[in-house]
């Protein structure tokens, strides 16, 4: 790899870390970049996943103020991300890519629709829950399995995992959008971390590429936390929709 190519990968890591912290889908920048430099798809996927783990940690630290008071919620939903992320990483290694990639655009599209309809749906869910004593503190009963399914998707590929998580949290958990974003960063980080462990043990990781992406993603995580926290809910929701639609177009075009 030339110095120029290394710089491009590093900058792609910065961009991915920023986008992942704000909404997710940073993989749509780093993964195509690695493919453009001739890295085999599976190697690119696993190396990218390993490289983005430090960025997830950086983003979560950047949102630490919004994480206060969420310990029990994070422990509960984090277990779902742990299970789902492990399953998704194993699927990547044992299944043909076409078997799962065929439904990726549909999953992202569902996430975008849920984000758009989230406020209305969440209001109706809350109204109905109020008749039964209110939603549980850590979300409706279906939130845990939904987070686990998002983890399966995230462990397999990861692009737009944040869109799906924000949709689930926005509808099933009563809290502010910024606190949901902080929770999303932790849950996505758990998925990336557990998938990275599986890949390190059982797959071919290009450590030079992973290191470049990781270094850039750490910087991007801090930038994303600064930018994301300043976005009002309507703008943040709009960013999520734009990223989600872009992800769908990228998959279909690819």
C-alpha atoms as a PDB file:
ATOM      1  CA  UNK A   1       0.000   0.000   0.000  1.00  0.00           C
ATOM      2  CA  UNK A   2       1.327   3.425  -0.974  1.00  0.00           C
ATOM      3  CA  UNK A   3       1.482   6.405   1.362  1.00  0.00           C
ATOM      4  CA  UNK A   4      -1.319   8.090  -0.593  1.00  0.00           C
ATOM      5  CA  UNK A   5      -3.554   5.035  -0.255  1.00  0.00           C
ATOM      6  CA  UNK A   6      -2.813   4.847   3.479  1.00  0.00           C
ATOM      7  CA  UNK A   7      -3.818   8.492   3.879  1.00  0.00           C
ATOM      8  CA  UNK A   8      -7.081   7.851   2.016  1.00  0.00           C
ATOM      9  CA  UNK A   9      -7.898   4.881   4.265  1.00  0.00           C
ATOM     10  CA  UNK A  10      -7.072   6.962   7.352  1.00  0.00           C
ATOM     11  CA  UNK A  11      -9.366   9.787   6.202  1.00  0.00           C
ATOM     12  CA  UNK A  12     -12.080   7.268   5.388  1.00  0.00           C
ATOM     13  CA  UNK A  13     -11.748   6.058   8.976  1.00  0.00           C
ATOM     14  CA  UNK A  14     -12.237   9.607  10.264  1.00  0.00           C
ATOM     15  CA  UNK A  15     -15.362  10.028   8.142  1.00  0.00           C
ATOM     16  CA  UNK A  16     -16.732   6.636   9.172  1.00  0.00           C
ATOM     17  CA  UNK A  17     -16.110   7.286  12.863  1.00  0.00           C
ATOM     18  CA  UNK A  18     -17.904  10.635  12.613  1.00  0.00           C
ATOM     19  CA  UNK A  19     -20.911   9.247  10.769  1.00  0.00           C
ATOM     20  CA  UNK A  20     -21.171   6.181  13.005  1.00  0.00           C
ATOM     21  CA  UNK A  21     -21.322   8.350  16.115  1.00  0.00           C
ATOM     22  CA  UNK A  22     -23.976  10.655  14.659  1.00  0.00           C
ATOM     23  CA  UNK A  23     -26.183   7.991  13.100  1.00  0.00           C
ATOM     24  CA  UNK A  24     -24.370   4.914  11.727  1.00  0.00           C
ATOM     25  CA  UNK A  25     -23.472   3.634   8.236  1.00  0.00           C
ATOM     26  CA  UNK A  26     -19.836   4.692   8.326  1.00  0.00           C
ATOM     27  CA  UNK A  27     -19.097   1.277   6.812  1.00  0.00           C
ATOM     28  CA  UNK A  28     -20.509   2.636   3.541  1.00  0.00           C
ATOM     29  CA  UNK A  29     -17.394   4.811   3.340  1.00  0.00           C
ATOM     30  CA  UNK A  30     -14.632   2.513   4.551  1.00  0.00           C
ATOM     31  CA  UNK A  31     -15.790  -0.756   2.962  1.00  0.00           C
ATOM     32  CA  UNK A  32     -16.008   0.585  -0.636  1.00  0.00           C
ATOM     33  CA  UNK A  33     -12.673   2.367  -0.108  1.00  0.00           C
ATOM     34  CA  UNK A  34     -10.961  -0.905   0.752  1.00  0.00           C
ATOM     35  CA  UNK A  35     -12.594  -2.651  -2.205  1.00  0.00           C
ATOM     36  CA  UNK A  36     -11.368   0.120  -4.505  1.00  0.00           C
ATOM     37  CA  UNK A  37      -7.798  -0.653  -3.435  1.00  0.00           C
ATOM     38  CA  UNK A  38      -8.224  -4.312  -4.368  1.00  0.00           C
ATOM     39  CA  UNK A  39      -8.815  -5.771  -0.900  1.00  0.00           C
ATOM     40  CA  UNK A  40     -10.888  -9.017  -1.100  1.00  0.00           C
ATOM     41  CA  UNK A  41     -14.490  -8.434   0.096  1.00  0.00           C
ATOM     42  CA  UNK A  42     -14.419 -10.684   3.170  1.00  0.00           C
ATOM     43  CA  UNK A  43     -11.010  -9.408   4.248  1.00  0.00           C
ATOM     44  CA  UNK A  44     -12.237  -5.842   3.718  1.00  0.00           C
ATOM     45  CA  UNK A  45     -15.354  -6.504   5.787  1.00  0.00           C
ATOM     46  CA  UNK A  46     -13.604  -8.091   8.758  1.00  0.00           C
ATOM     47  CA  UNK A  47     -10.681  -5.626   8.724  1.00  0.00           C
ATOM     48  CA  UNK A  48     -13.128  -2.731   8.569  1.00  0.00           C
ATOM     49  CA  UNK A  49     -15.133  -4.138  11.477  1.00  0.00           C
ATOM     50  CA  UNK A  50     -12.037  -4.572  13.649  1.00  0.00           C
ATOM     51  CA  UNK A  51     -10.822  -1.094  12.735  1.00  0.00           C
ATOM     52  CA  UNK A  52     -14.082   0.624  13.642  1.00  0.00           C
ATOM     53  CA  UNK A  53     -14.174  -0.772  17.200  1.00  0.00           C
ATOM     54  CA  UNK A  54     -11.946   2.010  18.659  1.00  0.00           C
ATOM     55  CA  UNK A  55     -14.192   4.572  16.954  1.00  0.00           C
ATOM     56  CA  UNK A  56     -17.242   3.098  18.678  1.00  0.00           C
ATOM     57  CA  UNK A  57     -15.509   3.426  22.038  1.00  0.00           C
ATOM     58  CA  UNK A  58     -14.506   6.996  21.217  1.00  0.00           C
ATOM     59  CA  UNK A  59     -18.071   7.904  20.231  1.00  0.00           C
ATOM     60  CA  UNK A  60     -19.505   6.378  23.405  1.00  0.00           C
ATOM     61  CA  UNK A  61     -17.040   8.367  25.507  1.00  0.00           C
ATOM     62  CA  UNK A  62     -18.002  11.510  23.618  1.00  0.00           C
ATOM     63  CA  UNK A  63     -21.651  10.883  24.601  1.00  0.00           C
ATOM     64  CA  UNK A  64     -20.886   9.974  28.218  1.00  0.00           C
ATOM     65  CA  UNK A  65     -23.054  12.811  29.583  1.00  0.00           C
ATOM     66  CA  UNK A  66     -26.120  11.393  27.822  1.00  0.00           C
ATOM     67  CA  UNK A  67     -25.306   7.908  29.138  1.00  0.00           C
ATOM     68  CA  UNK A  68     -25.714   8.890  32.780  1.00  0.00           C
ATOM     69  CA  UNK A  69     -28.562   7.035  34.444  1.00  0.00           C
ATOM     70  CA  UNK A  70     -28.731   4.370  31.715  1.00  0.00           C
ATOM     71  CA  UNK A  71     -26.617   1.672  33.371  1.00  0.00           C
ATOM     72  CA  UNK A  72     -29.411  -0.880  33.810  1.00  0.00           C
ATOM     73  CA  UNK A  73     -30.813  -0.226  30.343  1.00  0.00           C
ATOM     74  CA  UNK A  74     -27.393  -0.654  28.769  1.00  0.00           C
ATOM     75  CA  UNK A  75     -26.759  -3.897  30.646  1.00  0.00           C
ATOM     76  CA  UNK A  76     -30.112  -5.298  29.563  1.00  0.00           C
ATOM     77  CA  UNK A  77     -29.973  -4.246  25.920  1.00  0.00           C
ATOM     78  CA  UNK A  78     -26.229  -4.806  25.747  1.00  0.00           C
ATOM     79  CA  UNK A  79     -26.811  -8.508  26.314  1.00  0.00           C
ATOM     80  CA  UNK A  80     -29.053  -8.517  23.226  1.00  0.00           C
ATOM     81  CA  UNK A  81     -26.329  -6.835  21.166  1.00  0.00           C
ATOM     82  CA  UNK A  82     -23.789  -9.346  22.457  1.00  0.00           C
ATOM     83  CA  UNK A  83     -25.896 -12.327  21.408  1.00  0.00           C
ATOM     84  CA  UNK A  84     -26.918 -10.809  18.070  1.00  0.00           C
ATOM     85  CA  UNK A  85     -23.439  -9.589  17.151  1.00  0.00           C
ATOM     86  CA  UNK A  86     -21.930 -13.011  17.805  1.00  0.00           C
ATOM     87  CA  UNK A  87     -24.570 -14.714  15.676  1.00  0.00           C
ATOM     88  CA  UNK A  88     -24.110 -12.211  12.832  1.00  0.00           C
ATOM     89  CA  UNK A  89     -20.325 -12.624  12.775  1.00  0.00           C
ATOM     90  CA  UNK A  90     -20.664 -16.408  12.636  1.00  0.00           C
ATOM     91  CA  UNK A  91     -23.180 -16.102   9.797  1.00  0.00           C
ATOM     92  CA  UNK A  92     -20.690 -14.036   7.803  1.00  0.00           C
ATOM     93  CA  UNK A  93     -18.170 -16.847   8.055  1.00  0.00           C
ATOM     94  CA  UNK A  94     -20.479 -19.780   7.282  1.00  0.00           C
ATOM     95  CA  UNK A  95     -23.113 -18.474   4.837  1.00  0.00           C
ATOM     96  CA  UNK A  96     -22.745 -17.290   1.227  1.00  0.00           C
ATOM     97  CA  UNK A  97     -22.958 -13.515   1.028  1.00  0.00           C
ATOM     98  CA  UNK A  98     -25.956 -13.583  -1.324  1.00  0.00           C
ATOM     99  CA  UNK A  99     -28.078 -15.331   1.303  1.00  0.00           C
ATOM    100  CA  UNK A 100     -28.057 -12.341   3.619  1.00  0.00           C
ATOM    101  CA  UNK A 101     -27.197  -9.419   1.324  1.00  0.00           C
ATOM    102  CA  UNK A 102     -30.446  -9.963  -0.561  1.00  0.00           C
ATOM    103  CA  UNK A 103     -32.480  -8.584   2.358  1.00  0.00           C
ATOM    104  CA  UNK A 104     -30.103  -5.791   3.420  1.00  0.00           C
ATOM    105  CA  UNK A 105     -31.839  -3.020   1.411  1.00  0.00           C
ATOM    106  CA  UNK A 106     -35.189  -4.080   2.865  1.00  0.00           C
ATOM    107  CA  UNK A 107     -33.853  -3.960   6.422  1.00  0.00           C
ATOM    108  CA  UNK A 108     -32.395  -0.493   5.922  1.00  0.00           C
ATOM    109  CA  UNK A 109     -35.617   0.692   4.286  1.00  0.00           C
ATOM    110  CA  UNK A 110     -37.618  -0.586   7.241  1.00  0.00           C
ATOM    111  CA  UNK A 111     -35.337   1.302   9.586  1.00  0.00           C
ATOM    112  CA  UNK A 112     -35.787   4.542   7.635  1.00  0.00           C
ATOM    113  CA  UNK A 113     -39.579   4.186   7.609  1.00  0.00           C
ATOM    114  CA  UNK A 114     -39.600   3.499  11.340  1.00  0.00           C
ATOM    115  CA  UNK A 115     -37.430   6.532  12.031  1.00  0.00           C
ATOM    116  CA  UNK A 116     -39.785   8.750  10.006  1.00  0.00           C
ATOM    117  CA  UNK A 117     -42.879   7.337  11.674  1.00  0.00           C
ATOM    118  CA  UNK A 118     -41.149   6.966  15.016  1.00  0.00           C
ATOM    119  CA  UNK A 119     -42.604   9.999  16.816  1.00  0.00           C
ATOM    120  CA  UNK A 120     -46.168   9.136  15.791  1.00  0.00           C
ATOM    121  CA  UNK A 121     -45.810   5.448  16.546  1.00  0.00           C
ATOM    122  CA  UNK A 122     -44.015   6.114  19.826  1.00  0.00           C
ATOM    123  CA  UNK A 123     -46.759   8.525  20.908  1.00  0.00           C
ATOM    124  CA  UNK A 124     -49.456   5.962  20.193  1.00  0.00           C
ATOM    125  CA  UNK A 125     -47.489   3.230  21.939  1.00  0.00           C
ATOM    126  CA  UNK A 126     -47.056   5.491  24.964  1.00  0.00           C
ATOM    127  CA  UNK A 127     -50.753   6.367  25.010  1.00  0.00           C
ATOM    128  CA  UNK A 128     -51.716   2.711  24.923  1.00  0.00           C
ATOM    129  CA  UNK A 129     -49.083   1.820  27.502  1.00  0.00           C
ATOM    130  CA  UNK A 130     -50.398   4.560  29.796  1.00  0.00           C
ATOM    131  CA  UNK A 131     -53.689   2.674  29.961  1.00  0.00           C
ATOM    132  CA  UNK A 132     -51.736  -0.305  31.286  1.00  0.00           C
ATOM    133  CA  UNK A 133     -49.557   1.620  33.722  1.00  0.00           C
ATOM    134  CA  UNK A 134     -46.942   2.928  31.235  1.00  0.00           C
ATOM    135  CA  UNK A 135     -44.015   1.481  29.278  1.00  0.00           C
ATOM    136  CA  UNK A 136     -41.363  -0.334  31.322  1.00  0.00           C
ATOM    137  CA  UNK A 137     -38.403   1.862  32.224  1.00  0.00           C
ATOM    138  CA  UNK A 138     -36.103   0.059  29.818  1.00  0.00           C
ATOM    139  CA  UNK A 139     -38.547  -0.273  26.938  1.00  0.00           C
ATOM    140  CA  UNK A 140     -41.325  -2.471  25.612  1.00  0.00           C
ATOM    141  CA  UNK A 141     -40.927  -6.243  25.725  1.00  0.00           C
ATOM    142  CA  UNK A 142     -40.162  -6.465  21.999  1.00  0.00           C
ATOM    143  CA  UNK A 143     -37.182  -4.083  22.235  1.00  0.00           C
ATOM    144  CA  UNK A 144     -34.728  -6.751  23.456  1.00  0.00           C
ATOM    145  CA  UNK A 145     -35.306  -9.180  20.550  1.00  0.00           C
ATOM    146  CA  UNK A 146     -35.377  -6.273  18.091  1.00  0.00           C
ATOM    147  CA  UNK A 147     -31.989  -5.070  19.356  1.00  0.00           C
ATOM    148  CA  UNK A 148     -30.699  -8.644  19.090  1.00  0.00           C
ATOM    149  CA  UNK A 149     -31.841  -8.851  15.451  1.00  0.00           C
ATOM    150  CA  UNK A 150     -30.152  -5.521  14.732  1.00  0.00           C
ATOM    151  CA  UNK A 151     -27.047  -7.050  16.285  1.00  0.00           C
ATOM    152  CA  UNK A 152     -27.234 -10.031  13.919  1.00  0.00           C
ATOM    153  CA  UNK A 153     -27.327  -7.623  10.986  1.00  0.00           C
ATOM    154  CA  UNK A 154     -24.546  -5.500  12.498  1.00  0.00           C
ATOM    155  CA  UNK A 155     -22.301  -8.484  13.129  1.00  0.00           C
ATOM    156  CA  UNK A 156     -22.749  -9.616   9.553  1.00  0.00           C
ATOM    157  CA  UNK A 157     -22.114  -6.308   7.800  1.00  0.00           C
ATOM    158  CA  UNK A 158     -22.964  -3.290   9.953  1.00  0.00           C
ATOM    159  CA  UNK A 159     -23.903  -0.556   7.490  1.00  0.00           C
ATOM    160  CA  UNK A 160     -27.000   1.291   8.754  1.00  0.00           C
ATOM    161  CA  UNK A 161     -27.059  -0.720  11.975  1.00  0.00           C
ATOM    162  CA  UNK A 162     -27.427   2.626  13.722  1.00  0.00           C
ATOM    163  CA  UNK A 163     -30.516   3.467  11.659  1.00  0.00           C
ATOM    164  CA  UNK A 164     -32.206   0.264  12.804  1.00  0.00           C
ATOM    165  CA  UNK A 165     -31.218   0.792  16.432  1.00  0.00           C
ATOM    166  CA  UNK A 166     -32.452   4.385  16.463  1.00  0.00           C
ATOM    167  CA  UNK A 167     -35.778   3.243  15.050  1.00  0.00           C
ATOM    168  CA  UNK A 168     -36.168   0.538  17.703  1.00  0.00           C
ATOM    169  CA  UNK A 169     -35.162   2.811  20.578  1.00  0.00           C
ATOM    170  CA  UNK A 170     -37.216   5.737  19.326  1.00  0.00           C
ATOM    171  CA  UNK A 171     -40.408   3.685  19.241  1.00  0.00           C
ATOM    172  CA  UNK A 172     -39.956   1.252  22.107  1.00  0.00           C
ATOM    173  CA  UNK A 173     -38.087   3.264  24.752  1.00  0.00           C
ATOM    174  CA  UNK A 174     -39.300   6.506  26.324  1.00  0.00           C
ATOM    175  CA  UNK A 175     -36.396   8.972  26.322  1.00  0.00           C
ATOM    176  CA  UNK A 176     -34.860  11.842  24.334  1.00  0.00           C
ATOM    177  CA  UNK A 177     -33.395  11.330  20.867  1.00  0.00           C
ATOM    178  CA  UNK A 178     -29.930  12.395  22.031  1.00  0.00           C
ATOM    179  CA  UNK A 179     -29.951   9.819  24.844  1.00  0.00           C
ATOM    180  CA  UNK A 180     -31.115   7.215  22.332  1.00  0.00           C
ATOM    181  CA  UNK A 181     -28.158   8.176  20.160  1.00  0.00           C
ATOM    182  CA  UNK A 182     -25.811   7.645  23.100  1.00  0.00           C
ATOM    183  CA  UNK A 183     -27.382   4.239  23.780  1.00  0.00           C
ATOM    184  CA  UNK A 184     -27.111   3.356  20.093  1.00  0.00           C
ATOM    185  CA  UNK A 185     -23.374   4.092  20.141  1.00  0.00           C
ATOM    186  CA  UNK A 186     -22.813   1.694  23.039  1.00  0.00           C
ATOM    187  CA  UNK A 187     -24.967  -1.076  21.560  1.00  0.00           C
ATOM    188  CA  UNK A 188     -23.339  -0.778  18.130  1.00  0.00           C
ATOM    189  CA  UNK A 189     -19.942  -0.763  19.829  1.00  0.00           C
ATOM    190  CA  UNK A 190     -20.752  -4.031  21.596  1.00  0.00           C
ATOM    191  CA  UNK A 191     -21.784  -5.610  18.293  1.00  0.00           C
ATOM    192  CA  UNK A 192     -18.606  -4.416  16.566  1.00  0.00           C
ATOM    193  CA  UNK A 193     -16.422  -5.588  19.441  1.00  0.00           C
ATOM    194  CA  UNK A 194     -17.841  -9.094  19.730  1.00  0.00           C
ATOM    195  CA  UNK A 195     -17.807  -9.518  15.949  1.00  0.00           C
ATOM    196  CA  UNK A 196     -14.186  -8.344  15.914  1.00  0.00           C
ATOM    197  CA  UNK A 197     -13.266 -11.038  18.447  1.00  0.00           C
ATOM    198  CA  UNK A 198     -14.853 -13.693  16.236  1.00  0.00           C
ATOM    199  CA  UNK A 199     -13.072 -12.344  13.156  1.00  0.00           C
ATOM    200  CA  UNK A 200      -9.682 -12.156  14.889  1.00  0.00           C
ATOM    201  CA  UNK A 201      -9.995 -15.805  15.877  1.00  0.00           C
ATOM    202  CA  UNK A 202     -11.501 -17.243  12.701  1.00  0.00           C
ATOM    203  CA  UNK A 203     -10.936 -14.841   9.778  1.00  0.00           C
ATOM    204  CA  UNK A 204      -8.162 -13.087   7.872  1.00  0.00           C
ATOM    205  CA  UNK A 205      -7.685  -9.585   9.283  1.00  0.00           C
ATOM    206  CA  UNK A 206      -5.409  -7.102   7.518  1.00  0.00           C
ATOM    207  CA  UNK A 207      -3.983  -5.426  10.601  1.00  0.00           C
ATOM    208  CA  UNK A 208      -2.388  -2.520   8.740  1.00  0.00           C
ATOM    209  CA  UNK A 209      -5.753  -1.547   7.291  1.00  0.00           C
ATOM    210  CA  UNK A 210      -7.517  -2.106  10.605  1.00  0.00           C
ATOM    211  CA  UNK A 211      -4.992   0.129  12.375  1.00  0.00           C
ATOM    212  CA  UNK A 212      -5.416   2.965   9.869  1.00  0.00           C
ATOM    213  CA  UNK A 213      -9.214   2.809  10.061  1.00  0.00           C
ATOM    214  CA  UNK A 214      -9.067   2.566  13.851  1.00  0.00           C
ATOM    215  CA  UNK A 215      -6.842   5.614  14.222  1.00  0.00           C
ATOM    216  CA  UNK A 216      -9.102   7.664  11.991  1.00  0.00           C
ATOM    217  CA  UNK A 217     -12.285   6.384  13.640  1.00  0.00           C
ATOM    218  CA  UNK A 218     -11.087   7.480  17.099  1.00  0.00           C
ATOM    219  CA  UNK A 219     -10.766  11.051  15.839  1.00  0.00           C
ATOM    220  CA  UNK A 220     -14.066  10.765  14.000  1.00  0.00           C
ATOM    221  CA  UNK A 221     -15.815   9.485  17.127  1.00  0.00           C
ATOM    222  CA  UNK A 222     -15.004  12.682  18.977  1.00  0.00           C
ATOM    223  CA  UNK A 223     -15.999  14.842  16.013  1.00  0.00           C
ATOM    224  CA  UNK A 224     -19.269  12.960  15.676  1.00  0.00           C
ATOM    225  CA  UNK A 225     -20.122  13.366  19.346  1.00  0.00           C
ATOM    226  CA  UNK A 226     -19.589  17.113  19.094  1.00  0.00           C
ATOM    227  CA  UNK A 227     -21.670  17.449  15.928  1.00  0.00           C
ATOM    228  CA  UNK A 228     -24.401  14.993  16.883  1.00  0.00           C
ATOM    229  CA  UNK A 229     -25.077  16.528  20.277  1.00  0.00           C
ATOM    230  CA  UNK A 230     -25.762  19.911  18.688  1.00  0.00           C
ATOM    231  CA  UNK A 231     -28.335  18.624  16.212  1.00  0.00           C
ATOM    232  CA  UNK A 232     -32.014  19.162  17.153  1.00  0.00           C
ATOM    233  CA  UNK A 233     -34.221  16.034  16.993  1.00  0.00           C
ATOM    234  CA  UNK A 234     -35.794  16.932  13.652  1.00  0.00           C
ATOM    235  CA  UNK A 235     -32.406  17.497  11.993  1.00  0.00           C
ATOM    236  CA  UNK A 236     -30.916  14.354  13.515  1.00  0.00           C
ATOM    237  CA  UNK A 237     -33.901  12.372  12.267  1.00  0.00           C
ATOM    238  CA  UNK A 238     -33.398  13.900   8.814  1.00  0.00           C
ATOM    239  CA  UNK A 239     -29.734  12.891   8.815  1.00  0.00           C
ATOM    240  CA  UNK A 240     -30.740   9.344   9.704  1.00  0.00           C
ATOM    241  CA  UNK A 241     -33.182   9.233   6.783  1.00  0.00           C
ATOM    242  CA  UNK A 242     -30.637  10.620   4.296  1.00  0.00           C
ATOM    243  CA  UNK A 243     -27.977   8.134   5.387  1.00  0.00           C
ATOM    244  CA  UNK A 244     -30.452   5.283   5.255  1.00  0.00           C
ATOM    245  CA  UNK A 245     -31.667   6.135   1.745  1.00  0.00           C
ATOM    246  CA  UNK A 246     -28.067   6.551   0.588  1.00  0.00           C
ATOM    247  CA  UNK A 247     -27.291   3.102   1.992  1.00  0.00           C
ATOM    248  CA  UNK A 248     -30.172   1.551   0.054  1.00  0.00           C
ATOM    249  CA  UNK A 249     -29.062   3.221  -3.185  1.00  0.00           C
ATOM    250  CA  UNK A 250     -25.485   2.065  -2.629  1.00  0.00           C
ATOM    251  CA  UNK A 251     -26.533  -1.545  -2.115  1.00  0.00           C
ATOM    252  CA  UNK A 252     -28.901  -1.585  -5.091  1.00  0.00           C
ATOM    253  CA  UNK A 253     -26.357   0.091  -7.356  1.00  0.00           C
ATOM    254  CA  UNK A 254     -23.675  -2.304  -6.197  1.00  0.00           C
END
